[in-house]
Amino acid sequence: MLKGLKPFSDGGGNLTLQALLTNDVQVADIYTTTPSIQDNALVVLDDPKNNFKAQQVLPLYNMAKMTDKAKAALNNVSKILTTDDLINLNRAVSGNQKQNPKDAAAAWLKDKGIVK
């Protein structure tokens, strides 16, 4: 039985995580690509009533400047990018690593064989 709600303004960030880890709250809304779920052995609950909408990575671009080569590149990335990839990329650019996002993306592209 739900006993109450506690609002957080950090979008599922560190305040939310600390509240879960200290048992200040027992349930929270955190993005599934957040590394802290795996890193802290948190349990992901089912959402049988679809209370939380799925979020997808969506590339945005200026149609006037988009080339066929760029479209093909985006489509190649979209075909192979997984939730685990996003978790690992998030982990690389946050936490202790603090890798430059451009460098993390370049390493991922190289690892996946998209670029040399």
C-alpha atoms as a PDB file:
ATOM      1  CA  MET A   1       0.000   0.000   0.000  1.00  0.00           C
ATOM      2  CA  LEU A   2       1.320   3.413  -0.963  1.00  0.00           C
ATOM      3  CA  LYS A   3       1.864   5.530   2.151  1.00  0.00           C
ATOM      4  CA  GLY A   4       2.900   8.771   0.501  1.00  0.00           C
ATOM      5  CA  LEU A   5       4.827  10.554  -2.214  1.00  0.00           C
ATOM      6  CA  LYS A   6       8.065  12.458  -1.893  1.00  0.00           C
ATOM      7  CA  PRO A   7       8.884  14.741  -4.833  1.00  0.00           C
ATOM      8  CA  PHE A   8      12.460  15.104  -6.087  1.00  0.00           C
ATOM      9  CA  SER A   9      13.602  17.736  -8.528  1.00  0.00           C
ATOM     10  CA  ASP A  10      16.708  15.978  -9.794  1.00  0.00           C
ATOM     11  CA  GLY A  11      15.079  13.879 -12.526  1.00  0.00           C
ATOM     12  CA  GLY A  12      16.088  10.544 -11.013  1.00  0.00           C
ATOM     13  CA  GLY A  13      19.601  11.745 -10.234  1.00  0.00           C
ATOM     14  CA  ASN A  14      21.799  11.572  -7.164  1.00  0.00           C
ATOM     15  CA  LEU A  15      19.182  12.854  -4.668  1.00  0.00           C
ATOM     16  CA  THR A  16      16.757  10.177  -5.819  1.00  0.00           C
ATOM     17  CA  LEU A  17      19.455   7.506  -5.716  1.00  0.00           C
ATOM     18  CA  GLN A  18      20.539   8.457  -2.196  1.00  0.00           C
ATOM     19  CA  ALA A  19      16.916   8.379  -1.004  1.00  0.00           C
ATOM     20  CA  LEU A  20      16.597   4.821  -2.355  1.00  0.00           C
ATOM     21  CA  LEU A  21      19.906   3.672  -0.892  1.00  0.00           C
ATOM     22  CA  THR A  22      19.114   5.076   2.563  1.00  0.00           C
ATOM     23  CA  ASN A  23      15.566   3.661   2.447  1.00  0.00           C
ATOM     24  CA  ASP A  24      14.092   7.169   2.661  1.00  0.00           C
ATOM     25  CA  VAL A  25      11.963   6.058  -0.308  1.00  0.00           C
ATOM     26  CA  GLN A  26      11.279   2.547  -1.553  1.00  0.00           C
ATOM     27  CA  VAL A  27      10.293   3.262  -5.171  1.00  0.00           C
ATOM     28  CA  ALA A  28      11.514   5.917  -7.605  1.00  0.00           C
ATOM     29  CA  ASP A  29      11.336   6.829 -11.273  1.00  0.00           C
ATOM     30  CA  ILE A  30      14.834   6.564 -12.764  1.00  0.00           C
ATOM     31  CA  TYR A  31      15.778   6.301 -16.442  1.00  0.00           C
ATOM     32  CA  THR A  32      16.590   2.714 -17.398  1.00  0.00           C
ATOM     33  CA  THR A  33      19.879   3.886 -18.920  1.00  0.00           C
ATOM     34  CA  THR A  34      21.090   5.204 -15.560  1.00  0.00           C
ATOM     35  CA  PRO A  35      24.198   3.227 -14.519  1.00  0.00           C
ATOM     36  CA  SER A  36      23.296   3.517 -10.824  1.00  0.00           C
ATOM     37  CA  ILE A  37      20.570   0.885 -11.277  1.00  0.00           C
ATOM     38  CA  GLN A  38      23.117  -1.814 -12.137  1.00  0.00           C
ATOM     39  CA  ASP A  39      25.888  -0.326  -9.999  1.00  0.00           C
ATOM     40  CA  ASN A  40      23.719  -0.498  -6.844  1.00  0.00           C
ATOM     41  CA  ALA A  41      21.824  -3.725  -7.650  1.00  0.00           C
ATOM     42  CA  LEU A  42      18.501  -1.873  -7.698  1.00  0.00           C
ATOM     43  CA  VAL A  43      15.461  -3.808  -8.880  1.00  0.00           C
ATOM     44  CA  VAL A  44      13.617  -2.611 -11.975  1.00  0.00           C
ATOM     45  CA  LEU A  45       9.879  -3.076 -11.504  1.00  0.00           C
ATOM     46  CA  ASP A  46       7.434  -4.056 -14.213  1.00  0.00           C
ATOM     47  CA  ASP A  47       4.977  -1.421 -15.410  1.00  0.00           C
ATOM     48  CA  PRO A  48       1.964  -3.519 -16.503  1.00  0.00           C
ATOM     49  CA  LYS A  49      -0.340  -0.474 -16.651  1.00  0.00           C
ATOM     50  CA  ASN A  50       2.168   1.583 -18.671  1.00  0.00           C
ATOM     51  CA  ASN A  51       2.209   4.424 -16.168  1.00  0.00           C
ATOM     52  CA  PHE A  52       5.656   5.426 -17.424  1.00  0.00           C
ATOM     53  CA  LYS A  53       6.033   6.004 -21.129  1.00  0.00           C
ATOM     54  CA  ALA A  54       8.957   4.422 -22.913  1.00  0.00           C
ATOM     55  CA  GLN A  55      11.601   6.847 -24.060  1.00  0.00           C
ATOM     56  CA  GLN A  56      13.609   6.330 -27.185  1.00  0.00           C
ATOM     57  CA  VAL A  57      16.791   7.903 -28.517  1.00  0.00           C
ATOM     58  CA  LEU A  58      15.693  10.162 -31.307  1.00  0.00           C
ATOM     59  CA  PRO A  59      18.207  11.909 -33.552  1.00  0.00           C
ATOM     60  CA  LEU A  60      17.220  15.444 -34.494  1.00  0.00           C
ATOM     61  CA  TYR A  61      18.670  17.206 -37.494  1.00  0.00           C
ATOM     62  CA  ASN A  62      18.268  20.152 -39.831  1.00  0.00           C
ATOM     63  CA  MET A  63      16.757  18.744 -43.041  1.00  0.00           C
ATOM     64  CA  ALA A  64      18.331  21.527 -45.099  1.00  0.00           C
ATOM     65  CA  LYS A  65      21.785  20.363 -43.993  1.00  0.00           C
ATOM     66  CA  MET A  66      21.265  16.607 -43.795  1.00  0.00           C
ATOM     67  CA  THR A  67      23.127  14.603 -46.433  1.00  0.00           C
ATOM     68  CA  ASP A  68      22.376  11.059 -47.530  1.00  0.00           C
ATOM     69  CA  LYS A  69      25.716  10.013 -46.005  1.00  0.00           C
ATOM     70  CA  ALA A  70      24.727  11.502 -42.638  1.00  0.00           C
ATOM     71  CA  LYS A  71      21.310   9.783 -42.778  1.00  0.00           C
ATOM     72  CA  ALA A  72      23.010   6.455 -43.479  1.00  0.00           C
ATOM     73  CA  ALA A  73      25.359   7.004 -40.530  1.00  0.00           C
ATOM     74  CA  LEU A  74      22.443   7.736 -38.184  1.00  0.00           C
ATOM     75  CA  ASN A  75      20.585   4.667 -39.426  1.00  0.00           C
ATOM     76  CA  ASN A  76      23.680   2.480 -38.866  1.00  0.00           C
ATOM     77  CA  VAL A  77      23.980   3.694 -35.273  1.00  0.00           C
ATOM     78  CA  SER A  78      20.243   3.244 -34.647  1.00  0.00           C
ATOM     79  CA  LYS A  79      20.430  -0.373 -35.821  1.00  0.00           C
ATOM     80  CA  ILE A  80      22.993  -1.410 -33.229  1.00  0.00           C
ATOM     81  CA  LEU A  81      22.678   0.993 -30.281  1.00  0.00           C
ATOM     82  CA  THR A  82      21.290  -0.898 -27.272  1.00  0.00           C
ATOM     83  CA  THR A  83      20.120   0.041 -23.801  1.00  0.00           C
ATOM     84  CA  ASP A  84      23.283  -1.570 -22.397  1.00  0.00           C
ATOM     85  CA  ASP A  85      25.355   0.598 -24.744  1.00  0.00           C
ATOM     86  CA  LEU A  86      23.577   3.697 -23.429  1.00  0.00           C
ATOM     87  CA  ILE A  87      24.147   2.608 -19.825  1.00  0.00           C
ATOM     88  CA  ASN A  88      27.847   2.138 -20.505  1.00  0.00           C
ATOM     89  CA  LEU A  89      28.103   5.455 -22.349  1.00  0.00           C
ATOM     90  CA  ASN A  90      26.348   7.199 -19.455  1.00  0.00           C
ATOM     91  CA  ARG A  91      28.729   5.501 -17.035  1.00  0.00           C
ATOM     92  CA  ALA A  92      31.728   6.658 -19.102  1.00  0.00           C
ATOM     93  CA  VAL A  93      30.714  10.333 -19.084  1.00  0.00           C
ATOM     94  CA  SER A  94      29.537  10.487 -15.471  1.00  0.00           C
ATOM     95  CA  GLY A  95      30.638   9.234 -12.099  1.00  0.00           C
ATOM     96  CA  ASN A  96      34.342   8.757 -11.526  1.00  0.00           C
ATOM     97  CA  GLN A  97      35.315   8.503 -15.190  1.00  0.00           C
ATOM     98  CA  LYS A  98      33.982  11.864 -16.416  1.00  0.00           C
ATOM     99  CA  GLN A  99      35.086  11.046 -19.964  1.00  0.00           C
ATOM    100  CA  ASN A 100      34.438  13.700 -22.584  1.00  0.00           C
ATOM    101  CA  PRO A 101      31.146  12.739 -24.333  1.00  0.00           C
ATOM    102  CA  LYS A 102      32.744  13.180 -27.756  1.00  0.00           C
ATOM    103  CA  ASP A 103      35.560  10.792 -26.792  1.00  0.00           C
ATOM    104  CA  ALA A 104      33.115   8.246 -25.339  1.00  0.00           C
ATOM    105  CA  ALA A 105      31.037   8.329 -28.522  1.00  0.00           C
ATOM    106  CA  ALA A 106      34.136   8.003 -30.702  1.00  0.00           C
ATOM    107  CA  ALA A 107      35.313   4.978 -28.693  1.00  0.00           C
ATOM    108  CA  TRP A 108      31.860   3.365 -28.979  1.00  0.00           C
ATOM    109  CA  LEU A 109      31.794   3.918 -32.753  1.00  0.00           C
ATOM    110  CA  LYS A 110      35.250   2.368 -33.049  1.00  0.00           C
ATOM    111  CA  ASP A 111      34.356  -0.586 -30.803  1.00  0.00           C
ATOM    112  CA  LYS A 112      31.279  -1.302 -32.922  1.00  0.00           C
ATOM    113  CA  GLY A 113      33.304  -1.145 -36.152  1.00  0.00           C
ATOM    114  CA  ILE A 114      31.411   1.849 -37.506  1.00  0.00           C
ATOM    115  CA  VAL A 115      34.600   3.902 -37.809  1.00  0.00           C
ATOM    116  CA  LYS A 116      38.266   2.954 -37.847  1.00  0.00           C
END
